[in-house]
N, C-alpha and C. Protein backbone atom coordinates (compact mmCIF):
# COMPACT_ATOMS: atom_id res chain seq x y z
N MET A 1 -3.73 -163.71 -44.10
CA MET A 1 -4.41 -164.71 -43.83
C MET A 1 -4.41 -166.06 -44.71
N PRO A 2 -4.10 -167.30 -44.00
CA PRO A 2 -4.12 -168.37 -44.39
C PRO A 2 -5.16 -168.99 -45.17
N ASN A 3 -5.18 -169.32 -46.58
CA ASN A 3 -6.29 -169.87 -46.96
C ASN A 3 -6.42 -171.44 -47.21
N HIS A 4 -7.26 -171.83 -46.17
CA HIS A 4 -7.04 -173.01 -45.90
C HIS A 4 -8.56 -173.88 -45.62
N HIS A 5 -8.77 -174.78 -46.55
CA HIS A 5 -10.07 -175.31 -46.34
C HIS A 5 -9.87 -176.73 -47.11
N PRO A 6 -10.19 -178.01 -46.50
CA PRO A 6 -9.86 -179.28 -47.06
C PRO A 6 -10.65 -179.44 -48.41
N GLU A 7 -11.64 -178.73 -48.92
CA GLU A 7 -12.18 -179.03 -50.29
C GLU A 7 -11.65 -178.00 -51.16
N THR A 8 -10.70 -177.32 -50.87
CA THR A 8 -10.32 -176.14 -51.96
C THR A 8 -9.34 -177.27 -53.16
N LYS A 9 -9.56 -176.94 -54.15
CA LYS A 9 -9.31 -177.70 -55.42
C LYS A 9 -8.15 -176.63 -55.79
N GLU A 10 -7.02 -177.27 -56.53
CA GLU A 10 -6.08 -176.64 -56.99
C GLU A 10 -6.38 -175.52 -57.92
N ASN A 11 -5.57 -174.16 -57.64
CA ASN A 11 -5.97 -172.92 -58.30
C ASN A 11 -7.23 -172.47 -57.93
N GLU A 12 -7.66 -172.56 -56.81
CA GLU A 12 -9.26 -172.35 -56.35
C GLU A 12 -8.86 -171.71 -54.80
N TYR A 13 -9.78 -170.63 -54.43
CA TYR A 13 -9.61 -169.95 -53.31
C TYR A 13 -10.98 -170.05 -52.49
N TYR A 14 -10.67 -170.44 -51.15
CA TYR A 14 -11.85 -170.79 -50.16
C TYR A 14 -12.02 -169.15 -49.83
N CYS A 15 -13.53 -168.72 -49.94
CA CYS A 15 -13.67 -167.14 -49.90
C CYS A 15 -14.24 -167.33 -48.45
N TYR A 16 -15.47 -167.93 -47.92
CA TYR A 16 -15.82 -167.98 -46.79
C TYR A 16 -17.37 -168.76 -46.87
N ASN A 17 -18.01 -168.86 -45.60
CA ASN A 17 -19.10 -169.44 -45.72
C ASN A 17 -20.36 -168.71 -45.78
N VAL A 18 -21.39 -169.34 -46.47
CA VAL A 18 -22.44 -168.78 -46.65
C VAL A 18 -23.60 -169.78 -46.17
N LYS A 19 -24.90 -169.09 -45.91
CA LYS A 19 -26.09 -169.58 -45.33
C LYS A 19 -26.63 -170.58 -46.44
N ALA A 20 -26.67 -172.20 -45.90
CA ALA A 20 -27.00 -172.98 -47.11
C ALA A 20 -28.32 -173.01 -47.57
N GLU A 21 -29.41 -172.58 -46.84
CA GLU A 21 -30.75 -172.09 -47.54
C GLU A 21 -30.50 -171.15 -48.56
N LYS A 22 -29.62 -170.12 -48.87
CA LYS A 22 -29.62 -169.36 -49.57
C LYS A 22 -28.75 -169.50 -50.85
N GLY A 23 -27.72 -170.37 -50.75
CA GLY A 23 -26.62 -171.00 -51.67
C GLY A 23 -25.95 -169.83 -52.10
N ILE A 24 -25.43 -169.95 -53.34
CA ILE A 24 -24.69 -168.76 -53.86
C ILE A 24 -25.39 -167.35 -53.95
N PRO A 25 -24.78 -166.26 -53.23
CA PRO A 25 -25.41 -165.34 -53.31
C PRO A 25 -25.42 -164.59 -54.66
N LEU A 26 -26.72 -163.88 -55.01
CA LEU A 26 -27.15 -163.67 -56.22
C LEU A 26 -26.16 -162.82 -56.67
N ARG A 27 -25.52 -161.85 -56.25
CA ARG A 27 -24.18 -161.15 -56.76
C ARG A 27 -23.29 -161.60 -57.36
N LEU A 28 -23.08 -162.92 -57.07
CA LEU A 28 -21.73 -164.00 -57.23
C LEU A 28 -22.20 -164.55 -58.30
N ARG A 29 -23.34 -164.83 -58.77
CA ARG A 29 -23.28 -165.94 -59.75
C ARG A 29 -23.39 -165.86 -61.06
N SER A 30 -22.66 -164.64 -61.37
CA SER A 30 -22.25 -164.28 -62.83
C SER A 30 -20.62 -164.84 -62.87
N LEU A 31 -20.05 -165.09 -61.70
CA LEU A 31 -18.66 -165.77 -61.80
C LEU A 31 -18.91 -167.32 -62.34
N LYS A 32 -18.24 -167.41 -63.40
CA LYS A 32 -18.26 -168.82 -64.08
C LYS A 32 -17.55 -170.05 -63.21
N THR A 33 -16.71 -169.81 -61.91
CA THR A 33 -16.27 -170.83 -61.23
C THR A 33 -16.74 -170.64 -59.87
N VAL A 34 -17.54 -170.06 -59.43
CA VAL A 34 -18.13 -170.01 -58.23
C VAL A 34 -18.62 -171.37 -57.80
N ARG A 35 -18.72 -171.85 -56.57
CA ARG A 35 -19.01 -173.04 -56.30
C ARG A 35 -19.39 -173.29 -54.61
N LEU A 36 -20.39 -174.34 -54.12
CA LEU A 36 -20.47 -174.46 -52.91
C LEU A 36 -19.69 -175.74 -52.36
N GLY A 37 -19.02 -176.14 -51.41
CA GLY A 37 -18.64 -177.12 -51.05
C GLY A 37 -19.47 -177.63 -50.15
N LYS A 38 -19.07 -178.79 -49.58
CA LYS A 38 -20.33 -179.73 -48.60
C LYS A 38 -20.01 -179.47 -47.26
N GLN A 39 -18.75 -178.87 -46.67
CA GLN A 39 -18.71 -178.98 -45.11
C GLN A 39 -18.04 -177.35 -44.64
N ALA A 40 -18.70 -176.56 -43.98
CA ALA A 40 -18.23 -175.47 -43.56
C ALA A 40 -17.82 -175.81 -41.90
N TYR A 41 -16.71 -175.03 -41.77
CA TYR A 41 -15.93 -175.23 -40.60
C TYR A 41 -16.00 -173.60 -39.92
N ASP A 42 -15.92 -173.58 -38.56
CA ASP A 42 -15.81 -172.54 -37.89
C ASP A 42 -14.34 -171.97 -37.46
N LEU A 43 -14.24 -170.62 -36.97
CA LEU A 43 -12.72 -170.21 -36.62
C LEU A 43 -11.73 -171.36 -36.20
N ASP A 44 -12.41 -172.26 -35.31
CA ASP A 44 -11.82 -172.91 -34.51
C ASP A 44 -11.46 -174.66 -35.13
N GLY A 45 -11.78 -174.56 -36.52
CA GLY A 45 -11.88 -175.91 -37.31
C GLY A 45 -12.80 -176.83 -36.92
N LYS A 46 -14.01 -176.32 -36.09
CA LYS A 46 -15.33 -177.28 -35.89
C LYS A 46 -15.96 -177.33 -37.03
N LYS A 47 -16.79 -178.26 -37.16
CA LYS A 47 -17.74 -178.61 -38.23
C LYS A 47 -18.98 -177.85 -37.96
N ILE A 48 -19.31 -177.04 -39.13
CA ILE A 48 -20.85 -176.18 -38.84
C ILE A 48 -21.82 -177.14 -39.52
N SER A 49 -22.97 -177.34 -38.99
CA SER A 49 -24.15 -177.84 -39.74
C SER A 49 -24.32 -177.52 -41.09
N THR A 50 -24.39 -178.51 -41.87
CA THR A 50 -24.52 -178.27 -43.58
C THR A 50 -25.96 -177.88 -43.61
N ASP A 51 -26.80 -177.44 -42.62
CA ASP A 51 -27.98 -177.26 -42.86
C ASP A 51 -28.25 -175.89 -42.51
N TYR A 52 -27.03 -175.41 -41.76
CA TYR A 52 -26.57 -173.86 -41.76
C TYR A 52 -25.64 -173.26 -42.70
N MET A 53 -24.71 -173.73 -42.80
CA MET A 53 -23.48 -172.86 -43.79
C MET A 53 -22.94 -174.25 -44.42
N LEU A 54 -22.41 -173.29 -45.55
CA LEU A 54 -21.67 -174.23 -46.79
C LEU A 54 -20.83 -173.20 -47.19
N PRO A 55 -19.27 -173.81 -47.37
CA PRO A 55 -18.11 -173.20 -47.90
C PRO A 55 -18.41 -172.52 -49.30
N LEU A 56 -17.98 -171.54 -49.57
CA LEU A 56 -18.00 -170.80 -50.94
C LEU A 56 -16.42 -170.78 -51.47
N PHE A 57 -16.27 -171.31 -52.66
CA PHE A 57 -14.97 -171.28 -53.52
C PHE A 57 -15.17 -170.55 -54.73
N VAL A 58 -14.04 -170.07 -55.22
CA VAL A 58 -14.03 -169.39 -56.75
C VAL A 58 -12.58 -169.50 -57.09
N SER A 59 -12.55 -169.62 -58.38
CA SER A 59 -10.85 -169.87 -59.07
C SER A 59 -10.11 -168.62 -58.76
N LYS A 60 -9.05 -168.96 -58.54
CA LYS A 60 -7.98 -167.67 -58.34
C LYS A 60 -8.09 -166.71 -59.61
N ASN A 61 -8.45 -167.21 -60.80
CA ASN A 61 -8.47 -166.38 -62.00
C ASN A 61 -9.39 -165.69 -61.74
N GLU A 62 -10.70 -165.64 -60.99
CA GLU A 62 -11.38 -164.64 -60.56
C GLU A 62 -11.68 -163.78 -59.65
N LEU A 63 -10.49 -164.04 -58.88
CA LEU A 63 -10.44 -163.10 -57.64
C LEU A 63 -10.49 -161.86 -57.80
N ASN A 64 -10.05 -161.03 -58.86
CA ASN A 64 -10.32 -159.76 -59.08
C ASN A 64 -11.58 -159.40 -59.34
N THR A 65 -12.29 -160.18 -60.09
CA THR A 65 -13.52 -160.29 -60.35
C THR A 65 -14.69 -160.15 -59.02
N LEU A 66 -14.43 -161.02 -58.05
CA LEU A 66 -14.88 -161.17 -56.73
C LEU A 66 -14.77 -160.13 -56.17
N ASN A 67 -13.42 -159.45 -55.94
CA ASN A 67 -13.03 -158.16 -55.13
C ASN A 67 -13.84 -156.85 -55.59
N ASN A 68 -14.11 -156.98 -57.27
CA ASN A 68 -14.46 -155.75 -57.60
C ASN A 68 -16.09 -155.69 -57.15
N ILE A 69 -16.82 -157.07 -57.41
CA ILE A 69 -18.18 -157.20 -56.95
C ILE A 69 -18.62 -156.65 -55.37
N HIS A 70 -17.43 -156.96 -54.80
CA HIS A 70 -17.67 -156.82 -53.17
C HIS A 70 -17.33 -155.29 -52.95
N GLU A 71 -16.65 -154.81 -53.78
CA GLU A 71 -16.26 -153.22 -53.90
C GLU A 71 -17.33 -152.40 -54.39
N GLN A 72 -18.03 -152.77 -54.88
CA GLN A 72 -19.26 -152.20 -55.63
C GLN A 72 -19.86 -151.99 -54.70
N GLU A 73 -20.34 -153.59 -54.04
CA GLU A 73 -21.41 -153.73 -52.71
C GLU A 73 -21.18 -152.57 -51.82
N LEU A 74 -19.93 -152.51 -51.24
CA LEU A 74 -20.02 -151.46 -50.05
C LEU A 74 -20.10 -150.43 -50.64
N LYS A 75 -19.66 -149.69 -52.07
CA LYS A 75 -20.11 -148.38 -52.26
C LYS A 75 -21.37 -148.44 -52.43
N GLU A 76 -22.52 -149.30 -52.52
CA GLU A 76 -23.52 -148.87 -52.51
C GLU A 76 -24.59 -148.86 -51.31
N ILE A 77 -23.58 -149.88 -50.41
CA ILE A 77 -24.06 -149.48 -48.86
C ILE A 77 -23.69 -148.18 -48.35
N ARG A 78 -22.58 -147.65 -48.56
CA ARG A 78 -21.95 -146.42 -47.69
C ARG A 78 -22.85 -145.32 -48.56
N SER A 79 -23.35 -145.38 -49.56
CA SER A 79 -24.04 -144.25 -50.27
C SER A 79 -25.59 -144.21 -50.01
N LYS A 80 -26.04 -145.18 -49.19
CA LYS A 80 -27.32 -144.92 -48.58
C LYS A 80 -27.44 -144.00 -47.34
């Protein structure tokens, strides 16, 4: 899947959109390079209200850590 977002910086990965009111998810706040962007887009490239969603980015150097966090979260969900 292409990783295109106009706010993506060099050596950075656009992850997904998050709810603006919640900000960076608690489980990801340990990542040193995680950040929110200014404008989220839907799958058709249309702008989403910044009051509703914001894009989340992380350095490519932390992708393995991000994936490990998501895998652990899935294990916890599946064990319930």
